[in-house]
Amino acid sequence: MTAITRPAPTATESITTASRGRSRTRRSRDPRKKRSILLTVVMAIFVIYSIVPLAWLVINATKGQGELFSTFGLWFGPNFSLWDNIVETLTYRDGVFLQWFRNTLIYVVVGAGGATFLATAAGYGMAKYNFPGRKVVFALVLGAVAVPGTALAVPTFLMFSQLGLTNTPWAVILPSLISPFGLYLMWTFANEAVPTELLEAARMDGASEFRTFFTISLRLLAPGIVTVLLFAVVATWNNYFLPLIMLSEPTWYPLTVGLSQWSAQATGVAAQPIYNLVITGALLTIVPIVIAFLILQRYWQSGLSAGAVKQ
């Protein structure tokens, strides 16, 4: 029999084979693989930590009052009572939940919408116009961002009390119109999103400043506007402490304060059997904000990143 001999490998093949061997060795010893596993575990813990309360809320909203404390919290009960709980929540005390929902929508539309417009106009003006005291205004805005809202709640209450605006919707709407963080975000975004050359070309064509802002700049600022709007909507929708001290009439309560009152009634000394309504109401409260995030998610992500990268 004739032996089959293979041709000797060339120098290029030998170098390639050796480099592949070294690459496999480096991959097997690469510490980044271990770090990626650790990062995956940490992120999984964060995901579980975020999902478990939401899962508990959804599951327990399907239980009746008697099943809440007699069944396991992270599993469904023998009876599916979600629709009954929703109907009872919406009709309890002549539909006061719907009244709180309407109030919250008013505060969000007027307060958050106005805050977004004011932050957009002010941030654009600070980014594209030079005026005396510009640096001072910017420093004041940064200082306002660092001050927590709860620290200003009591002084705001005293001021509104002297003006006779407490226990009115304006006591919640007017403070919501001011968003220092939104102004700072729009200032940062406008610096990069709106080219100065484009504004100068519009002025040379005879366009006024208002026309330039509403027809050109607003379109370029759309991702940033959506981002500021989402932050303002979430802040106004979840606002609790300010309405709590400003409002004493339940007819003007937002959902946060109203559900807190229900929770106090369900767990107080003379507890009422409405704990299932508190849980179902909390579930109904988060549904609109989740829908808003899902719809505007892509605008929100682009708005957060566009101002951070220079072209």
Protein backbone atom coordinates (compact mmCIF):
# COMPACT_ATOMS: atom_id res chain seq x y z
CA MET A 1 0.00 0.00 0.00
CA THR A 2 1.13 3.47 -0.77
CA ALA A 3 1.19 5.89 2.18
CA ILE A 4 -0.63 9.16 1.65
CA THR A 5 1.50 12.08 2.60
CA ARG A 6 0.15 15.56 3.26
CA PRO A 7 2.02 18.58 2.03
CA ALA A 8 3.94 20.47 4.64
CA PRO A 9 2.06 23.55 5.91
CA THR A 10 3.22 26.84 4.60
CA ALA A 11 4.58 29.58 6.81
CA THR A 12 1.31 31.52 6.59
CA GLU A 13 -0.74 28.49 7.68
CA SER A 14 1.60 27.83 10.58
CA ILE A 15 1.29 31.42 11.78
CA THR A 16 -2.51 31.30 11.45
CA THR A 17 -2.75 28.04 13.39
CA ALA A 18 -0.52 29.36 16.14
CA SER A 19 -2.51 32.60 16.42
CA ARG A 20 -5.77 30.64 16.66
CA GLY A 21 -4.33 28.56 19.47
CA ARG A 22 -3.21 31.63 21.36
CA SER A 23 -6.63 33.25 20.79
CA ARG A 24 -8.41 30.22 22.28
CA THR A 25 -6.08 30.30 25.26
CA ARG A 26 -6.72 34.00 25.82
CA ARG A 27 -10.49 33.50 25.57
CA SER A 28 -10.37 30.68 28.09
CA ARG A 29 -8.40 32.86 30.49
CA ASP A 30 -10.18 36.13 29.70
CA PRO A 31 -11.41 37.62 33.02
CA ARG A 32 -14.10 39.58 31.16
CA LYS A 33 -16.13 36.38 30.84
CA LYS A 34 -16.30 36.03 34.60
CA ARG A 35 -17.20 39.70 34.95
CA SER A 36 -19.98 39.33 32.40
CA ILE A 37 -21.43 36.41 34.38
CA LEU A 38 -21.33 38.50 37.56
CA LEU A 39 -22.95 41.42 35.76
CA THR A 40 -25.69 39.13 34.44
CA VAL A 41 -26.40 37.87 37.96
CA VAL A 42 -26.55 41.43 39.34
CA MET A 43 -28.89 42.56 36.56
CA ALA A 44 -31.10 39.50 37.11
CA ILE A 45 -31.39 40.45 40.79
CA PHE A 46 -32.40 43.99 39.84
CA VAL A 47 -34.98 42.69 37.36
CA ILE A 48 -36.48 40.36 39.96
CA TYR A 49 -36.50 43.16 42.52
CA SER A 50 -38.42 45.36 40.05
CA ILE A 51 -40.86 42.74 38.78
CA VAL A 52 -41.87 41.03 42.04
CA PRO A 53 -43.84 44.01 43.48
CA LEU A 54 -45.63 44.49 40.16
CA ALA A 55 -46.41 40.77 39.97
CA TRP A 56 -47.71 40.85 43.56
CA LEU A 57 -49.96 43.78 42.68
CA VAL A 58 -51.40 42.13 39.56
CA ILE A 59 -51.94 38.77 41.28
CA ASN A 60 -53.60 40.19 44.39
CA ALA A 61 -55.86 42.44 42.33
CA THR A 62 -57.55 39.22 41.17
CA LYS A 63 -58.49 38.19 44.73
CA GLY A 64 -61.44 39.09 46.85
CA GLN A 65 -61.22 40.71 50.27
CA GLY A 66 -61.35 37.37 52.08
CA GLU A 67 -58.64 35.74 49.97
CA LEU A 68 -55.99 38.46 50.37
CA PHE A 69 -54.79 37.28 53.79
CA SER A 70 -55.62 33.58 53.46
CA THR A 71 -53.68 32.74 50.26
CA PHE A 72 -50.08 33.00 49.14
CA GLY A 73 -49.29 36.52 47.94
CA LEU A 74 -47.46 35.49 44.77
CA TRP A 75 -50.06 33.04 43.49
CA PHE A 76 -53.67 33.30 42.38
CA GLY A 77 -56.57 32.45 44.61
CA PRO A 78 -59.36 29.97 43.92
CA ASN A 79 -61.63 32.68 42.51
CA PHE A 80 -60.74 35.21 39.80
CA SER A 81 -62.29 38.44 41.05
CA LEU A 82 -60.42 41.05 38.99
CA TRP A 83 -63.45 42.32 37.08
CA ASP A 84 -65.58 42.44 40.22
CA ASN A 85 -62.84 44.41 41.99
CA ILE A 86 -62.58 46.86 39.10
CA VAL A 87 -66.33 47.47 39.03
CA GLU A 88 -66.45 47.88 42.81
CA THR A 89 -63.46 50.26 42.74
CA LEU A 90 -65.02 52.47 40.07
CA THR A 91 -68.44 52.58 41.76
CA TYR A 92 -67.38 52.80 45.43
CA ARG A 93 -68.80 55.92 47.12
CA ASP A 94 -70.55 57.16 43.98
CA GLY A 95 -67.47 56.77 41.78
CA VAL A 96 -65.05 58.88 43.80
CA PHE A 97 -62.14 56.98 42.19
CA LEU A 98 -63.16 58.31 38.78
CA GLN A 99 -63.29 61.81 40.25
CA TRP A 100 -59.72 61.39 41.58
CA PHE A 101 -58.68 60.06 38.18
CA ARG A 102 -60.16 63.13 36.48
CA ASN A 103 -58.35 65.42 38.92
CA THR A 104 -55.06 63.66 38.24
CA LEU A 105 -55.55 64.05 34.49
CA ILE A 106 -56.20 67.77 34.95
CA TYR A 107 -53.05 68.19 37.03
CA VAL A 108 -51.01 66.22 34.49
CA VAL A 109 -52.35 67.90 31.34
CA VAL A 110 -52.15 71.46 32.66
CA GLY A 111 -49.23 71.11 35.08
CA ALA A 112 -46.95 68.70 33.23
CA GLY A 113 -47.86 70.10 29.82
CA GLY A 114 -47.20 73.66 30.97
CA ALA A 115 -43.96 72.64 32.66
CA THR A 116 -42.77 71.00 29.45
CA PHE A 117 -43.55 74.07 27.35
CA LEU A 118 -41.92 76.47 29.80
CA ALA A 119 -38.84 74.26 30.17
CA THR A 120 -38.55 73.96 26.38
CA ALA A 121 -38.84 77.70 25.75
CA ALA A 122 -36.52 78.66 28.62
CA GLY A 123 -33.92 75.99 27.83
CA TYR A 124 -33.90 76.96 24.16
CA GLY A 125 -33.53 80.63 25.04
CA MET A 126 -30.63 79.95 27.40
CA ALA A 127 -28.90 77.78 24.82
CA LYS A 128 -29.27 80.01 21.75
CA TYR A 129 -29.36 83.58 23.06
CA ASN A 130 -26.75 85.62 24.91
CA PHE A 131 -28.20 88.02 27.47
CA PRO A 132 -26.90 89.76 30.61
CA GLY A 133 -26.93 87.50 33.67
CA ARG A 134 -27.05 84.30 31.62
CA LYS A 135 -24.44 82.57 33.79
CA VAL A 136 -26.21 83.67 36.96
CA VAL A 137 -29.50 82.24 35.72
CA PHE A 138 -27.79 78.99 34.79
CA ALA A 139 -26.23 78.76 38.27
CA LEU A 140 -29.63 79.35 39.87
CA VAL A 141 -31.16 76.61 37.75
CA LEU A 142 -28.46 74.15 38.81
CA GLY A 143 -29.02 75.14 42.43
CA ALA A 144 -32.77 74.60 42.06
CA VAL A 145 -32.15 71.11 40.65
CA ALA A 146 -30.22 70.22 43.81
CA VAL A 147 -33.05 71.33 46.14
CA PRO A 148 -35.56 68.52 46.87
CA GLY A 149 -39.20 69.35 46.29
CA THR A 150 -40.22 68.27 49.80
CA ALA A 151 -38.00 71.00 51.27
CA LEU A 152 -40.07 73.64 49.43
CA ALA A 153 -43.48 72.13 50.17
CA VAL A 154 -44.06 73.88 53.50
CA PRO A 155 -42.92 77.36 52.30
CA THR A 156 -45.07 76.90 49.22
CA PHE A 157 -48.05 76.00 51.40
CA LEU A 158 -47.57 79.12 53.55
CA MET A 159 -47.31 81.32 50.46
CA PHE A 160 -50.41 79.82 48.83
CA SER A 161 -52.28 80.04 52.12
CA GLN A 162 -51.68 83.80 52.25
CA LEU A 163 -52.87 84.08 48.65
CA GLY A 164 -56.01 82.08 49.42
CA LEU A 165 -55.22 79.36 46.85
CA THR A 166 -55.06 76.35 49.15
CA ASN A 167 -57.70 73.66 48.67
CA THR A 168 -57.98 74.63 45.00
CA PRO A 169 -56.57 72.93 41.89
CA TRP A 170 -54.17 75.86 41.40
CA ALA A 171 -52.35 74.86 44.57
CA VAL A 172 -51.20 71.72 42.74
CA ILE A 173 -50.98 73.05 39.18
CA LEU A 174 -48.91 76.20 39.73
CA PRO A 175 -45.99 74.52 41.55
CA SER A 176 -46.01 71.78 38.90
CA LEU A 177 -45.33 74.33 36.17
CA ILE A 178 -41.75 74.83 37.37
CA SER A 179 -39.28 72.10 36.36
CA PRO A 180 -35.62 73.10 36.90
CA PHE A 181 -34.41 69.68 35.81
CA GLY A 182 -36.49 69.86 32.63
CA LEU A 183 -35.07 73.31 31.89
CA TYR A 184 -31.51 72.06 32.36
CA LEU A 185 -32.22 69.01 30.18
CA MET A 186 -33.65 71.14 27.37
CA TRP A 187 -30.73 73.58 27.60
CA THR A 188 -28.29 70.69 27.17
CA PHE A 189 -30.30 69.16 24.34
CA ALA A 190 -30.83 72.44 22.45
CA ASN A 191 -27.10 73.14 22.44
CA GLU A 192 -26.52 70.06 20.27
CA ALA A 193 -29.82 69.49 18.47
CA VAL A 194 -30.37 72.96 16.99
CA PRO A 195 -27.51 74.23 14.77
CA THR A 196 -26.85 77.94 15.12
CA GLU A 197 -26.18 78.16 11.37
CA LEU A 198 -29.73 76.98 10.67
CA LEU A 199 -31.18 79.72 12.87
CA GLU A 200 -29.01 82.35 11.18
CA ALA A 201 -30.18 81.17 7.76
CA ALA A 202 -33.81 81.44 8.88
CA ARG A 203 -33.21 84.98 10.13
CA MET A 204 -31.57 85.96 6.82
CA ASP A 205 -34.68 84.69 5.03
CA GLY A 206 -36.78 87.07 7.07
CA ALA A 207 -38.29 84.62 9.59
CA SER A 208 -39.14 86.06 12.99
CA GLU A 209 -37.83 84.51 16.20
CA PHE A 210 -41.24 83.07 17.09
CA ARG A 211 -41.66 81.56 13.63
CA THR A 212 -38.16 80.11 13.75
CA PHE A 213 -38.87 78.57 17.14
CA PHE A 214 -42.26 77.08 16.30
CA THR A 215 -41.53 75.89 12.72
CA ILE A 216 -37.88 74.85 12.88
CA SER A 217 -36.57 74.48 16.41
CA LEU A 218 -39.52 72.57 17.86
CA ARG A 219 -39.14 69.82 15.26
CA LEU A 220 -35.47 69.39 16.09
CA LEU A 221 -36.23 69.46 19.81
CA ALA A 222 -38.98 66.82 19.62
CA PRO A 223 -37.00 63.95 21.27
CA GLY A 224 -35.93 66.21 24.13
CA ILE A 225 -39.46 67.55 24.54
CA VAL A 226 -40.84 64.02 24.84
CA THR A 227 -38.19 63.19 27.42
CA VAL A 228 -39.01 66.25 29.54
CA LEU A 229 -42.73 65.53 29.11
CA LEU A 230 -42.33 61.99 30.41
CA PHE A 231 -40.38 63.15 33.44
CA ALA A 232 -42.96 65.86 34.15
CA VAL A 233 -45.90 63.48 33.69
CA VAL A 234 -44.39 60.90 36.04
CA ALA A 235 -43.54 63.54 38.65
CA THR A 236 -47.04 65.05 38.53
CA TRP A 237 -48.83 61.70 38.38
CA ASN A 238 -46.91 60.40 41.43
CA ASN A 239 -47.03 63.69 43.33
CA TYR A 240 -48.23 62.95 46.84
CA PHE A 241 -46.80 65.25 49.51
CA LEU A 242 -47.74 68.58 47.91
CA PRO A 243 -51.43 67.68 47.29
CA LEU A 244 -51.55 66.15 50.77
CA ILE A 245 -50.74 69.42 52.50
CA MET A 246 -52.44 71.70 49.97
CA LEU A 247 -55.82 69.98 49.65
CA SER A 248 -58.32 69.26 52.41
CA GLU A 249 -61.37 68.63 50.23
CA PRO A 250 -61.53 65.02 48.94
CA THR A 251 -63.23 66.17 45.74
CA TRP A 252 -59.90 67.68 44.58
CA TYR A 253 -57.67 64.78 45.64
CA PRO A 254 -55.44 63.13 43.04
CA LEU A 255 -55.19 59.36 42.89
CA THR A 256 -52.14 59.19 45.15
CA VAL A 257 -53.79 60.99 48.07
CA GLY A 258 -57.16 59.31 47.52
CA LEU A 259 -55.69 55.80 47.59
CA SER A 260 -53.71 56.73 50.68
CA GLN A 261 -56.96 57.70 52.39
CA TRP A 262 -58.51 54.38 51.38
CA SER A 263 -55.49 52.53 52.73
CA ALA A 264 -55.81 54.36 56.06
CA GLN A 265 -59.48 53.36 56.23
CA ALA A 266 -58.62 49.73 55.47
CA THR A 267 -55.91 49.43 58.13
CA GLY A 268 -57.07 51.82 60.86
CA VAL A 269 -58.76 51.12 64.17
CA ALA A 270 -62.22 50.99 62.60
CA ALA A 271 -60.94 49.15 59.53
CA GLN A 272 -63.28 48.81 56.58
CA PRO A 273 -63.14 45.79 54.23
CA ILE A 274 -61.83 47.73 51.23
CA TYR A 275 -58.25 46.49 51.05
CA ASN A 276 -59.04 44.79 47.73
CA LEU A 277 -60.17 48.19 46.41
CA VAL A 278 -56.87 49.76 47.46
CA ILE A 279 -54.89 47.13 45.56
CA THR A 280 -57.13 47.27 42.48
CA GLY A 281 -57.03 51.06 42.52
CA ALA A 282 -53.24 51.00 42.68
CA LEU A 283 -53.19 48.69 39.66
CA LEU A 284 -55.52 50.98 37.70
CA THR A 285 -53.36 53.96 38.68
CA ILE A 286 -50.17 52.60 37.12
CA VAL A 287 -51.77 51.41 33.87
CA PRO A 288 -51.85 54.85 32.14
CA ILE A 289 -48.24 55.64 33.03
CA VAL A 290 -47.06 52.23 31.76
CA ILE A 291 -48.93 52.76 28.48
CA ALA A 292 -47.35 56.20 28.09
CA PHE A 293 -43.86 54.77 28.58
CA LEU A 294 -44.45 51.95 26.09
CA ILE A 295 -45.76 54.33 23.42
CA LEU A 296 -43.07 57.00 23.84
CA GLN A 297 -40.16 54.72 24.70
CA ARG A 298 -38.17 55.23 21.50
CA TYR A 299 -38.49 59.03 21.72
CA TRP A 300 -37.50 58.89 25.36
CA GLN A 301 -34.33 56.86 24.70
CA SER A 302 -33.22 59.07 21.84
CA GLY A 303 -33.94 62.18 23.87
CA LEU A 304 -31.73 61.00 26.71
CA SER A 305 -28.74 60.19 24.50
CA ALA A 306 -28.86 62.87 21.80
CA GLY A 307 -27.62 65.69 23.99
CA ALA A 308 -24.73 63.65 25.40
CA VAL A 309 -22.84 63.04 22.15
CA LYS A 310 -21.16 65.80 20.22
CA GLN A 311 -21.08 65.57 16.45
